[in-house]
N, C-alpha and C. Protein backbone atom coordinates (compact mmCIF):
# COMPACT_ATOMS: atom_id res chain seq x y z
N MET A 1 -104.80 -6.90 7.05
CA MET A 1 -105.18 -6.86 5.57
C MET A 1 -106.18 -7.95 5.14
N LYS A 2 -107.12 -7.65 4.51
CA LYS A 2 -108.05 -8.73 4.13
C LYS A 2 -107.51 -9.47 2.84
N PHE A 3 -107.99 -10.58 2.70
CA PHE A 3 -107.62 -11.63 1.71
C PHE A 3 -109.14 -12.03 0.87
N PHE A 4 -109.06 -11.83 -0.23
CA PHE A 4 -110.20 -11.87 -1.17
C PHE A 4 -109.56 -13.07 -2.25
N ILE A 5 -110.47 -13.96 -2.59
CA ILE A 5 -109.88 -14.81 -3.72
C ILE A 5 -110.49 -14.36 -4.97
N ASP A 6 -109.88 -14.16 -6.01
CA ASP A 6 -110.22 -13.86 -7.37
C ASP A 6 -110.64 -15.03 -8.34
N THR A 7 -111.90 -15.45 -8.27
CA THR A 7 -112.17 -16.73 -9.04
C THR A 7 -113.68 -16.64 -8.91
N ALA A 8 -114.42 -17.56 -9.80
CA ALA A 8 -115.84 -17.88 -9.72
C ALA A 8 -115.94 -19.35 -9.62
N ASN A 9 -114.79 -20.03 -9.20
CA ASN A 9 -114.76 -21.44 -9.11
C ASN A 9 -115.20 -21.86 -7.56
N LEU A 10 -116.16 -22.55 -7.39
CA LEU A 10 -117.07 -22.83 -5.98
C LEU A 10 -116.00 -23.72 -5.15
N ALA A 11 -115.24 -24.62 -5.90
CA ALA A 11 -114.20 -25.57 -5.00
C ALA A 11 -113.33 -24.77 -4.48
N GLN A 12 -112.64 -23.71 -5.23
CA GLN A 12 -111.43 -23.21 -4.79
C GLN A 12 -112.00 -22.15 -3.73
N ILE A 13 -113.24 -21.58 -3.84
CA ILE A 13 -113.80 -20.52 -2.76
C ILE A 13 -114.01 -21.27 -1.44
N ARG A 14 -114.42 -22.48 -1.79
CA ARG A 14 -114.79 -23.44 -0.41
C ARG A 14 -113.17 -23.69 0.30
N GLU A 15 -112.41 -23.92 -0.58
CA GLU A 15 -110.99 -24.39 0.01
C GLU A 15 -110.32 -23.27 0.67
N ALA A 16 -110.37 -21.96 -0.02
CA ALA A 16 -109.89 -20.88 0.67
C ALA A 16 -110.74 -20.37 1.85
N ASN A 17 -111.96 -20.73 1.97
CA ASN A 17 -112.65 -20.51 3.09
C ASN A 17 -112.55 -21.23 4.44
N GLU A 18 -112.10 -22.61 3.95
CA GLU A 18 -112.01 -23.74 4.94
C GLU A 18 -110.59 -23.45 5.52
N MET A 19 -109.55 -22.65 5.04
CA MET A 19 -108.39 -22.39 5.43
C MET A 19 -108.53 -21.17 6.48
N GLY A 20 -109.53 -20.73 6.89
CA GLY A 20 -109.90 -19.77 7.90
C GLY A 20 -109.37 -18.49 7.56
N VAL A 21 -108.93 -17.92 6.37
CA VAL A 21 -108.39 -16.83 6.25
C VAL A 21 -109.21 -15.86 4.95
N LEU A 22 -110.33 -16.52 4.59
CA LEU A 22 -110.95 -15.88 3.30
C LEU A 22 -111.75 -14.73 3.88
N ASP A 23 -111.51 -13.39 3.56
CA ASP A 23 -112.69 -12.36 3.68
C ASP A 23 -113.64 -12.03 2.70
N GLY A 24 -113.39 -12.51 1.25
CA GLY A 24 -114.24 -12.23 0.49
C GLY A 24 -113.82 -12.60 -1.14
N VAL A 25 -114.67 -12.43 -1.87
CA VAL A 25 -114.32 -13.07 -3.32
C VAL A 25 -114.66 -11.74 -4.28
N THR A 26 -113.63 -11.66 -5.52
CA THR A 26 -113.90 -10.91 -6.36
C THR A 26 -114.26 -11.87 -7.78
N THR A 27 -114.99 -11.40 -8.49
CA THR A 27 -115.17 -12.15 -9.79
C THR A 27 -115.12 -11.19 -10.98
N ASN A 28 -115.41 -11.73 -12.16
CA ASN A 28 -115.55 -10.66 -13.25
C ASN A 28 -116.33 -11.74 -14.41
N PRO A 29 -116.72 -11.14 -15.64
CA PRO A 29 -117.38 -11.85 -16.57
C PRO A 29 -116.35 -12.83 -16.98
N SER A 30 -115.22 -12.75 -17.29
CA SER A 30 -114.28 -13.57 -17.73
C SER A 30 -114.16 -14.92 -16.86
N LEU A 31 -113.98 -14.57 -15.53
CA LEU A 31 -113.86 -15.84 -14.40
C LEU A 31 -115.34 -16.68 -14.47
N MET A 32 -116.28 -15.87 -14.59
CA MET A 32 -117.66 -16.54 -14.93
C MET A 32 -117.58 -17.49 -15.97
N ALA A 33 -117.09 -16.92 -17.25
CA ALA A 33 -117.17 -17.65 -18.42
C ALA A 33 -116.22 -19.03 -18.23
N LYS A 34 -115.08 -18.84 -17.57
CA LYS A 34 -114.18 -19.88 -17.38
C LYS A 34 -114.84 -21.20 -16.48
N GLU A 35 -116.10 -20.64 -15.71
CA GLU A 35 -116.65 -21.88 -15.08
C GLU A 35 -117.93 -22.19 -15.99
N ASN A 36 -117.94 -21.70 -16.99
CA ASN A 36 -119.10 -22.04 -18.01
C ASN A 36 -120.58 -21.38 -17.61
N ILE A 37 -120.46 -20.28 -16.77
CA ILE A 37 -121.59 -19.67 -16.29
C ILE A 37 -121.75 -18.65 -17.23
N ARG A 38 -123.06 -18.51 -17.96
CA ARG A 38 -123.28 -17.61 -18.87
C ARG A 38 -124.72 -17.21 -18.81
N GLY A 39 -124.99 -15.85 -19.14
CA GLY A 39 -126.31 -15.29 -18.96
C GLY A 39 -126.65 -14.79 -17.58
N GLU A 40 -127.39 -13.67 -17.69
CA GLU A 40 -127.62 -12.94 -16.40
C GLU A 40 -128.17 -13.90 -15.33
N GLU A 41 -129.33 -14.71 -15.51
CA GLU A 41 -129.88 -15.60 -14.66
C GLU A 41 -128.87 -16.62 -13.92
N ALA A 42 -128.15 -17.00 -14.86
CA ALA A 42 -127.15 -18.07 -14.21
C ALA A 42 -126.13 -17.37 -13.38
N CYS A 43 -125.63 -16.38 -13.86
CA CYS A 43 -124.69 -15.44 -12.98
C CYS A 43 -125.31 -15.20 -11.78
N ARG A 44 -126.56 -14.66 -11.69
CA ARG A 44 -127.24 -14.20 -10.50
C ARG A 44 -127.22 -15.50 -9.47
N ARG A 45 -127.54 -16.67 -9.91
CA ARG A 45 -127.81 -17.80 -9.20
C ARG A 45 -126.26 -18.36 -8.66
N HIS A 46 -125.21 -18.07 -9.45
CA HIS A 46 -123.91 -18.24 -8.97
C HIS A 46 -123.47 -17.41 -7.98
N TYR A 47 -123.68 -15.96 -8.10
CA TYR A 47 -123.45 -15.03 -7.14
C TYR A 47 -124.11 -15.38 -5.69
N LEU A 48 -125.34 -16.10 -5.73
CA LEU A 48 -125.82 -16.45 -4.63
C LEU A 48 -125.05 -17.67 -3.83
N GLU A 49 -124.70 -18.68 -4.65
CA GLU A 49 -124.04 -19.83 -4.28
C GLU A 49 -122.81 -19.24 -3.52
N ILE A 50 -122.12 -18.20 -4.07
CA ILE A 50 -120.84 -17.64 -3.71
C ILE A 50 -121.04 -17.10 -2.10
N CYS A 51 -122.19 -16.34 -2.08
CA CYS A 51 -122.56 -15.62 -0.95
C CYS A 51 -122.99 -16.76 0.35
N SER A 52 -123.42 -18.04 -0.12
CA SER A 52 -123.67 -18.77 0.85
C SER A 52 -122.56 -19.59 1.36
N ILE A 53 -121.53 -19.37 0.52
CA ILE A 53 -120.13 -19.97 1.15
C ILE A 53 -119.27 -19.00 1.86
N VAL A 54 -119.33 -17.66 1.53
CA VAL A 54 -118.38 -16.84 2.15
C VAL A 54 -119.32 -15.81 2.68
N ASP A 55 -118.93 -15.33 4.27
CA ASP A 55 -119.50 -14.48 5.00
C ASP A 55 -118.56 -13.18 4.78
N GLY A 56 -118.75 -12.62 3.58
CA GLY A 56 -117.77 -11.49 3.30
C GLY A 56 -118.14 -10.76 2.01
N ASP A 57 -117.58 -9.68 1.68
CA ASP A 57 -117.94 -8.95 0.36
C ASP A 57 -117.74 -9.89 -0.92
N VAL A 58 -118.67 -9.84 -1.76
CA VAL A 58 -118.48 -10.58 -2.99
C VAL A 58 -118.58 -9.29 -4.29
N SER A 59 -117.64 -9.15 -4.74
CA SER A 59 -117.60 -8.10 -5.93
C SER A 59 -118.23 -8.88 -7.29
N ALA A 60 -119.28 -8.28 -7.39
CA ALA A 60 -120.06 -8.67 -8.87
C ALA A 60 -120.23 -7.66 -9.81
N GLU A 61 -119.25 -7.99 -11.12
CA GLU A 61 -119.07 -6.80 -12.03
C GLU A 61 -120.34 -6.73 -12.91
N VAL A 62 -120.68 -5.42 -13.45
CA VAL A 62 -121.48 -5.11 -14.40
C VAL A 62 -120.79 -5.32 -15.77
N ILE A 63 -121.69 -5.57 -16.76
CA ILE A 63 -121.38 -5.79 -17.97
C ILE A 63 -121.33 -4.53 -18.83
N ALA A 64 -122.44 -3.80 -18.58
CA ALA A 64 -122.79 -2.44 -19.25
C ALA A 64 -121.54 -1.52 -19.15
N THR A 65 -121.37 -0.79 -20.28
CA THR A 65 -120.35 0.51 -20.29
C THR A 65 -121.00 1.70 -20.05
N ASP A 66 -122.12 1.72 -20.35
CA ASP A 66 -122.90 3.21 -20.25
C ASP A 66 -123.59 3.33 -18.89
N PHE A 67 -123.69 4.64 -18.54
CA PHE A 67 -124.31 4.91 -17.03
C PHE A 67 -125.47 4.21 -16.91
N ASP A 68 -126.38 4.30 -17.66
CA ASP A 68 -127.77 3.89 -17.64
C ASP A 68 -127.84 2.48 -17.20
N GLY A 69 -126.88 1.66 -18.23
CA GLY A 69 -126.66 0.19 -18.02
C GLY A 69 -126.23 -0.23 -16.82
N MET A 70 -125.14 0.45 -16.48
CA MET A 70 -124.43 0.04 -15.04
C MET A 70 -125.39 0.22 -13.86
N VAL A 71 -126.38 1.45 -14.05
CA VAL A 71 -127.16 1.50 -13.10
C VAL A 71 -128.21 0.27 -12.93
N ARG A 72 -128.70 0.01 -13.88
CA ARG A 72 -129.74 -1.10 -14.12
C ARG A 72 -129.22 -2.34 -13.58
N GLU A 73 -128.01 -2.81 -14.24
CA GLU A 73 -127.44 -4.02 -13.68
C GLU A 73 -126.81 -3.91 -12.31
N GLY A 74 -126.40 -2.88 -11.81
CA GLY A 74 -125.93 -2.68 -10.38
C GLY A 74 -126.88 -2.82 -9.35
N GLU A 75 -128.02 -2.20 -9.79
CA GLU A 75 -129.17 -2.22 -8.86
C GLU A 75 -129.69 -3.78 -8.61
N ALA A 76 -129.75 -4.34 -9.83
CA ALA A 76 -130.23 -5.84 -9.79
C ALA A 76 -129.18 -6.84 -8.93
N LEU A 77 -128.08 -6.52 -9.17
CA LEU A 77 -126.64 -7.23 -8.43
C LEU A 77 -126.90 -7.02 -6.86
N ALA A 78 -126.88 -5.75 -6.81
CA ALA A 78 -126.97 -5.29 -5.19
C ALA A 78 -128.11 -5.97 -4.45
N ALA A 79 -129.44 -5.92 -5.14
CA ALA A 79 -130.45 -6.51 -4.39
C ALA A 79 -130.44 -8.02 -4.33
N LEU A 80 -129.43 -8.71 -4.67
CA LEU A 80 -129.36 -10.12 -4.54
C LEU A 80 -129.13 -10.70 -3.35
N HIS A 81 -128.13 -9.87 -2.66
CA HIS A 81 -127.45 -10.40 -1.39
C HIS A 81 -126.84 -9.11 -0.62
N LYS A 82 -127.16 -9.03 0.79
CA LYS A 82 -126.35 -8.10 1.43
C LYS A 82 -124.93 -7.87 1.24
N ASN A 83 -124.19 -9.03 0.82
CA ASN A 83 -122.78 -9.25 0.63
C ASN A 83 -122.28 -8.69 -0.65
N ILE A 84 -123.09 -8.42 -1.74
CA ILE A 84 -122.81 -7.97 -2.95
C ILE A 84 -122.26 -6.76 -2.96
N VAL A 85 -121.12 -6.46 -3.59
CA VAL A 85 -120.51 -5.25 -3.79
C VAL A 85 -120.50 -4.85 -5.42
N VAL A 86 -121.03 -3.79 -5.93
CA VAL A 86 -121.10 -3.79 -7.27
C VAL A 86 -119.70 -2.96 -8.12
N LYS A 87 -119.38 -3.91 -8.83
CA LYS A 87 -118.04 -3.68 -9.37
C LYS A 87 -118.23 -2.88 -10.91
N LEU A 88 -117.60 -1.74 -10.79
CA LEU A 88 -117.77 -0.79 -11.90
C LEU A 88 -116.30 -0.48 -12.60
N PRO A 89 -116.50 -0.23 -13.76
CA PRO A 89 -115.20 0.19 -14.20
C PRO A 89 -114.87 1.79 -13.97
N CYS A 90 -113.47 2.08 -14.13
CA CYS A 90 -112.96 3.65 -13.73
C CYS A 90 -113.13 4.18 -14.96
N THR A 91 -114.34 4.43 -15.54
CA THR A 91 -114.40 5.28 -16.74
C THR A 91 -115.31 6.49 -16.26
N ALA A 92 -115.50 7.52 -16.95
CA ALA A 92 -116.27 8.47 -16.72
C ALA A 92 -117.74 8.20 -16.36
N ASP A 93 -118.44 7.29 -17.19
CA ASP A 93 -119.49 6.80 -16.76
C ASP A 93 -119.63 5.87 -15.35
N GLY A 94 -118.68 5.26 -15.39
CA GLY A 94 -118.31 4.31 -14.04
C GLY A 94 -118.35 5.16 -12.95
N ILE A 95 -117.48 6.25 -12.85
CA ILE A 95 -117.38 7.17 -12.00
C ILE A 95 -118.66 7.74 -11.39
N ARG A 96 -119.26 8.12 -12.34
CA ARG A 96 -120.76 8.85 -12.16
C ARG A 96 -121.58 7.73 -11.56
N ALA A 97 -121.58 6.37 -11.94
CA ALA A 97 -122.39 5.34 -11.35
C ALA A 97 -121.80 5.12 -9.93
N VAL A 98 -120.63 5.17 -9.75
CA VAL A 98 -120.11 5.04 -8.26
C VAL A 98 -120.82 6.02 -7.50
N LYS A 99 -120.90 7.43 -8.06
CA LYS A 99 -121.37 8.54 -7.13
C LYS A 99 -123.13 8.08 -6.91
N TYR A 100 -123.54 7.62 -7.84
CA TYR A 100 -124.94 7.28 -7.75
C TYR A 100 -125.36 6.29 -6.78
N PHE A 101 -124.46 5.22 -6.76
CA PHE A 101 -124.66 4.05 -5.75
C PHE A 101 -124.40 4.60 -4.35
N ALA A 102 -123.20 5.48 -4.34
CA ALA A 102 -122.98 5.92 -2.85
C ALA A 102 -124.08 6.77 -2.34
N GLY A 103 -124.79 7.27 -3.42
CA GLY A 103 -125.88 7.89 -2.76
C GLY A 103 -127.16 7.15 -2.34
N LYS A 104 -127.02 6.12 -3.01
CA LYS A 104 -128.15 5.06 -2.34
C LYS A 104 -127.59 4.07 -1.32
N ASN A 105 -126.20 4.20 -0.81
CA ASN A 105 -125.63 3.43 0.35
C ASN A 105 -125.62 2.00 -0.26
N ILE A 106 -125.16 2.05 -1.56
CA ILE A 106 -124.84 0.59 -2.38
C ILE A 106 -123.56 0.70 -2.44
N ARG A 107 -122.68 -0.28 -1.85
CA ARG A 107 -121.15 -0.48 -1.85
C ARG A 107 -120.68 -0.69 -3.31
N THR A 108 -119.52 0.00 -3.81
CA THR A 108 -119.15 -0.47 -4.92
C THR A 108 -117.49 -0.70 -4.96
N ASN A 109 -117.02 -1.19 -6.04
CA ASN A 109 -115.72 -1.56 -6.35
C ASN A 109 -115.17 -0.89 -7.52
N CYS A 110 -114.47 0.10 -7.54
CA CYS A 110 -114.11 0.68 -8.87
C CYS A 110 -112.75 0.17 -9.35
N THR A 111 -113.10 -0.62 -10.53
CA THR A 111 -111.94 -1.48 -10.90
C THR A 111 -111.32 -0.99 -12.16
N LEU A 112 -110.27 -1.69 -12.86
CA LEU A 112 -109.54 -1.19 -13.90
C LEU A 112 -108.81 0.04 -13.59
N VAL A 113 -108.29 0.24 -12.48
CA VAL A 113 -107.59 1.57 -11.97
C VAL A 113 -106.05 1.14 -12.22
N PHE A 114 -105.38 2.28 -13.14
CA PHE A 114 -104.06 2.02 -13.37
C PHE A 114 -103.35 3.44 -13.17
N SER A 115 -103.80 4.37 -12.25
CA SER A 115 -103.10 5.58 -12.17
C SER A 115 -103.82 6.07 -10.86
N ALA A 116 -103.08 6.91 -10.05
CA ALA A 116 -103.41 7.77 -8.99
C ALA A 116 -104.45 8.48 -9.10
N GLY A 117 -104.68 9.21 -10.19
CA GLY A 117 -105.49 10.01 -10.69
C GLY A 117 -106.85 9.42 -10.66
N GLN A 118 -107.28 8.29 -11.18
CA GLN A 118 -108.24 7.43 -11.33
C GLN A 118 -108.61 7.10 -9.86
N ALA A 119 -107.64 6.76 -9.06
CA ALA A 119 -108.16 6.24 -7.78
C ALA A 119 -108.72 7.61 -6.83
N LEU A 120 -108.13 8.53 -7.07
CA LEU A 120 -108.66 9.82 -6.47
C LEU A 120 -110.15 10.07 -7.02
N LEU A 121 -110.37 10.02 -8.07
CA LEU A 121 -111.85 10.09 -8.66
C LEU A 121 -112.64 9.16 -8.09
N ALA A 122 -112.17 7.91 -7.98
CA ALA A 122 -113.04 6.84 -7.27
C ALA A 122 -113.48 7.16 -5.78
N ALA A 123 -112.43 7.49 -5.12
CA ALA A 123 -112.62 7.81 -3.75
C ALA A 123 -113.44 9.12 -3.68
N LYS A 124 -113.28 10.26 -4.47
CA LYS A 124 -114.29 11.44 -4.22
C LYS A 124 -115.43 11.15 -4.67
N ALA A 125 -115.80 10.09 -5.53
CA ALA A 125 -117.19 9.80 -5.80
C ALA A 125 -117.71 8.79 -4.86
N GLY A 126 -116.89 8.18 -3.82
CA GLY A 126 -117.56 7.54 -2.62
C GLY A 126 -117.38 5.90 -2.87
N ALA A 127 -116.43 5.41 -3.86
CA ALA A 127 -116.25 4.13 -3.82
C ALA A 127 -115.85 3.40 -2.48
N THR A 128 -116.31 2.27 -2.36
CA THR A 128 -115.95 1.39 -1.08
C THR A 128 -114.62 0.88 -1.30
N TYR A 129 -114.24 0.34 -2.47
CA TYR A 129 -113.06 -0.14 -2.82
C TYR A 129 -112.58 0.43 -4.08
N VAL A 130 -111.31 0.50 -4.39
CA VAL A 130 -110.58 0.96 -5.60
C VAL A 130 -109.53 -0.32 -6.04
N SER A 131 -109.71 -0.57 -7.16
CA SER A 131 -108.85 -1.84 -7.47
C SER A 131 -107.53 -1.43 -8.43
N PRO A 132 -106.55 -1.10 -7.86
CA PRO A 132 -105.47 -0.90 -8.95
C PRO A 132 -104.83 -2.23 -9.46
N PHE A 133 -104.54 -2.54 -10.74
CA PHE A 133 -104.30 -3.85 -11.36
C PHE A 133 -102.69 -4.04 -11.16
N VAL A 134 -102.27 -4.80 -10.40
CA VAL A 134 -100.78 -4.89 -10.23
C VAL A 134 -100.22 -5.56 -11.17
N ASP A 135 -100.39 -6.83 -11.35
CA ASP A 135 -99.72 -7.40 -12.54
C ASP A 135 -99.70 -7.12 -13.93
N ARG A 136 -101.07 -6.31 -14.24
CA ARG A 136 -101.33 -5.71 -15.40
C ARG A 136 -100.34 -4.83 -15.55
N LEU A 137 -100.06 -3.96 -14.69
CA LEU A 137 -99.20 -2.73 -14.73
C LEU A 137 -97.75 -3.43 -14.97
N ASP A 138 -97.40 -4.34 -14.11
CA ASP A 138 -95.93 -4.94 -14.20
C ASP A 138 -95.73 -5.47 -15.84
N ASP A 139 -96.86 -6.11 -16.26
CA ASP A 139 -96.75 -6.61 -17.62
C ASP A 139 -96.24 -5.28 -18.74
N ILE A 140 -96.47 -4.07 -18.30
CA ILE A 140 -96.31 -3.01 -19.23
C ILE A 140 -95.08 -2.08 -18.67
N CYS A 141 -94.30 -2.94 -17.79
CA CYS A 141 -93.06 -2.24 -17.23
C CYS A 141 -93.38 -1.05 -16.56
N SER A 142 -94.46 -1.10 -15.47
CA SER A 142 -94.87 0.04 -14.60
C SER A 142 -94.69 -0.42 -13.21
N ASP A 143 -94.40 0.39 -12.29
CA ASP A 143 -94.23 0.12 -10.90
C ASP A 143 -95.66 0.04 -10.25
N SER A 144 -96.01 -1.08 -10.36
CA SER A 144 -97.35 -1.37 -9.54
C SER A 144 -97.44 -1.21 -8.14
N VAL A 145 -96.57 -1.79 -7.31
CA VAL A 145 -96.62 -1.68 -6.09
C VAL A 145 -96.39 -0.31 -5.66
N GLY A 146 -95.65 0.65 -6.41
CA GLY A 146 -95.36 1.99 -6.22
C GLY A 146 -96.75 2.60 -6.41
N LEU A 147 -97.44 2.34 -7.29
CA LEU A 147 -98.75 2.83 -7.42
C LEU A 147 -99.73 2.47 -6.18
N VAL A 148 -99.72 1.36 -5.84
CA VAL A 148 -100.60 1.04 -4.54
C VAL A 148 -100.29 1.77 -3.55
N ALA A 149 -98.87 2.16 -3.31
CA ALA A 149 -98.29 2.77 -2.07
C ALA A 149 -98.66 4.40 -2.34
N GLN A 150 -98.65 4.88 -3.52
CA GLN A 150 -99.00 6.23 -3.82
C GLN A 150 -100.52 6.51 -3.33
N ILE A 151 -101.43 5.55 -3.66
CA ILE A 151 -103.02 5.62 -3.59
C ILE A 151 -102.98 5.55 -2.00
N VAL A 152 -102.45 4.58 -1.24
CA VAL A 152 -102.55 4.57 0.17
C VAL A 152 -102.28 5.87 0.87
N ASP A 153 -101.19 6.36 0.33
CA ASP A 153 -100.67 7.70 0.79
C ASP A 153 -101.53 8.76 0.69
N LEU A 154 -102.19 8.76 -0.52
CA LEU A 154 -103.06 9.78 -0.93
C LEU A 154 -104.53 9.89 0.00
N TYR A 155 -104.93 8.65 0.08
CA TYR A 155 -106.10 8.18 0.83
C TYR A 155 -105.95 8.75 2.39
N GLN A 156 -104.80 8.27 2.81
CA GLN A 156 -104.40 8.82 4.18
C GLN A 156 -104.36 10.20 4.38
N THR A 157 -103.99 10.88 3.46
CA THR A 157 -103.70 12.46 3.56
C THR A 157 -105.00 13.04 3.38
N TYR A 158 -106.01 12.50 2.74
CA TYR A 158 -107.21 13.22 2.54
C TYR A 158 -108.40 12.48 3.36
N ASP A 159 -108.12 11.59 4.06
CA ASP A 159 -108.88 10.73 5.02
C ASP A 159 -109.96 10.27 4.23
N TYR A 160 -109.80 9.59 3.16
CA TYR A 160 -110.73 8.96 2.32
C TYR A 160 -110.99 7.59 2.95
N THR A 161 -112.18 7.07 3.01
CA THR A 161 -112.37 5.88 3.81
C THR A 161 -112.41 4.66 2.54
N THR A 162 -112.20 5.11 1.37
CA THR A 162 -112.30 4.05 0.56
C THR A 162 -110.97 2.93 0.54
N GLN A 163 -111.27 1.67 0.40
CA GLN A 163 -110.40 0.68 0.76
C GLN A 163 -109.22 0.49 -0.52
N VAL A 164 -108.13 0.44 -0.33
CA VAL A 164 -107.20 -0.05 -1.59
C VAL A 164 -107.15 -1.46 -1.62
N LEU A 165 -107.73 -1.96 -2.73
CA LEU A 165 -108.03 -3.34 -3.09
C LEU A 165 -107.04 -3.94 -4.26
N ALA A 166 -105.55 -4.35 -3.80
CA ALA A 166 -104.79 -4.49 -4.95
C ALA A 166 -105.11 -5.89 -5.69
N ALA A 167 -105.48 -5.69 -6.96
CA ALA A 167 -106.11 -6.66 -7.85
C ALA A 167 -105.15 -7.06 -8.81
N SER A 168 -105.49 -7.97 -9.56
CA SER A 168 -104.81 -8.59 -10.78
C SER A 168 -103.47 -9.21 -10.08
N ILE A 169 -103.42 -9.82 -9.01
CA ILE A 169 -102.05 -10.38 -8.28
C ILE A 169 -102.25 -11.73 -8.71
N ARG A 170 -100.90 -12.34 -9.18
CA ARG A 170 -100.73 -13.60 -9.69
C ARG A 170 -99.81 -14.34 -8.80
N ASN A 171 -98.98 -13.70 -8.02
CA ASN A 171 -98.02 -14.36 -7.23
C ASN A 171 -97.76 -13.82 -5.74
N THR A 172 -97.22 -14.71 -5.07
CA THR A 172 -97.05 -14.59 -3.58
C THR A 172 -96.50 -13.29 -3.03
N LEU A 173 -95.41 -12.98 -3.89
CA LEU A 173 -94.41 -11.79 -3.57
C LEU A 173 -95.33 -10.41 -3.51
N HIS A 174 -96.28 -10.42 -4.55
CA HIS A 174 -96.90 -9.15 -4.60
C HIS A 174 -97.80 -9.12 -3.36
N ILE A 175 -98.47 -10.06 -2.91
CA ILE A 175 -99.23 -10.16 -1.77
C ILE A 175 -98.38 -9.53 -0.63
N LEU A 176 -97.14 -9.91 -0.50
CA LEU A 176 -96.18 -9.44 0.71
C LEU A 176 -96.03 -7.94 0.33
N GLN A 177 -95.74 -7.54 -0.78
CA GLN A 177 -95.36 -6.14 -1.26
C GLN A 177 -96.44 -5.32 -1.15
N CYS A 178 -97.54 -5.71 -1.50
CA CYS A 178 -98.75 -4.83 -1.11
C CYS A 178 -99.24 -4.73 0.25
N ALA A 179 -98.86 -5.71 1.03
CA ALA A 179 -99.21 -5.74 2.63
C ALA A 179 -98.18 -4.71 3.21
N GLU A 180 -96.84 -4.70 2.64
CA GLU A 180 -96.05 -3.70 3.23
C GLU A 180 -96.24 -2.26 2.93
N VAL A 181 -96.71 -1.99 1.75
CA VAL A 181 -97.24 -0.50 1.62
C VAL A 181 -98.66 -0.31 1.99
N GLY A 182 -99.28 -1.16 2.69
CA GLY A 182 -100.53 -0.75 3.31
C GLY A 182 -101.83 -1.01 2.49
N ALA A 183 -101.80 -1.82 1.50
CA ALA A 183 -102.96 -2.05 0.86
C ALA A 183 -104.10 -2.70 1.92
N ASP A 184 -105.29 -2.33 1.80
CA ASP A 184 -106.37 -2.93 2.71
C ASP A 184 -106.86 -4.43 2.38
N VAL A 185 -106.74 -4.77 1.12
CA VAL A 185 -106.99 -6.12 0.67
C VAL A 185 -106.19 -6.29 -0.50
N VAL A 186 -106.03 -7.58 -0.67
CA VAL A 186 -105.58 -8.19 -2.13
C VAL A 186 -106.50 -9.29 -2.22
N THR A 187 -106.29 -9.23 -3.75
CA THR A 187 -107.48 -10.49 -4.35
C THR A 187 -106.75 -11.17 -5.20
N CYS A 188 -106.58 -12.32 -5.09
CA CYS A 188 -105.49 -13.24 -6.06
C CYS A 188 -106.03 -14.72 -6.13
N PRO A 189 -105.63 -15.36 -6.87
CA PRO A 189 -105.92 -16.91 -6.98
C PRO A 189 -105.61 -17.70 -5.85
N LEU A 190 -106.17 -18.70 -5.43
CA LEU A 190 -105.84 -19.74 -4.51
C LEU A 190 -104.45 -19.96 -4.41
N SER A 191 -103.63 -20.28 -5.57
CA SER A 191 -102.33 -20.52 -5.70
C SER A 191 -101.50 -19.56 -4.87
N ALA A 192 -101.76 -18.30 -5.08
CA ALA A 192 -100.87 -17.45 -4.61
C ALA A 192 -101.01 -17.18 -3.09
N ILE A 193 -102.28 -17.30 -2.54
CA ILE A 193 -102.51 -17.38 -1.14
C ILE A 193 -101.92 -18.52 -0.47
N LYS A 194 -102.01 -19.76 -1.10
CA LYS A 194 -101.18 -20.84 -0.54
C LYS A 194 -99.76 -20.82 -0.63
N GLY A 195 -99.27 -20.06 -1.73
CA GLY A 195 -97.99 -19.86 -1.67
C GLY A 195 -97.13 -19.16 -0.37
N LEU A 196 -98.13 -18.44 0.36
CA LEU A 196 -97.75 -17.91 1.57
C LEU A 196 -97.12 -19.02 2.49
N LEU A 197 -97.72 -20.18 2.36
CA LEU A 197 -97.18 -21.30 3.37
C LEU A 197 -95.82 -21.72 3.25
């Protein structure tokens, strides 16, 4: 299983990388804002800094919600560095953008996944990663780890190569539970990774 850190904090990324277990990074506009990174140019420079620390996939999320905007932003992000994976929402336009990028051999992370149906559409469109939101589902009394297991089973049944990236993980127990059901990747804060110690 791969370990990604879910942050835009460079010090935490360096610390996780120095542990020797870091495979990649996921970010989003909220995490960027938390680090006082605002504006397209500042975000792009920050992504390049992250890519200089980690030799692995770095998910960079589009802000646009329409197809044309996602394509425009996604192409600019993908052009920054070979490790950039374009992060797209699991909406109708997002799935359409996943398909577009798959046709251009640009890797994608389809995020905001809350159901197996969404995960199937993302895989069918050619997503590199699909990100079911674990703790967010738990927050609404839904079986999040059960959903991760269901997606893993569906992808194995139909030989989809899309990787299941268990996201929105806040605690160490969920890392272990997602590992047990076969998630390909977990992304979480540094504290959850260190909790495994």
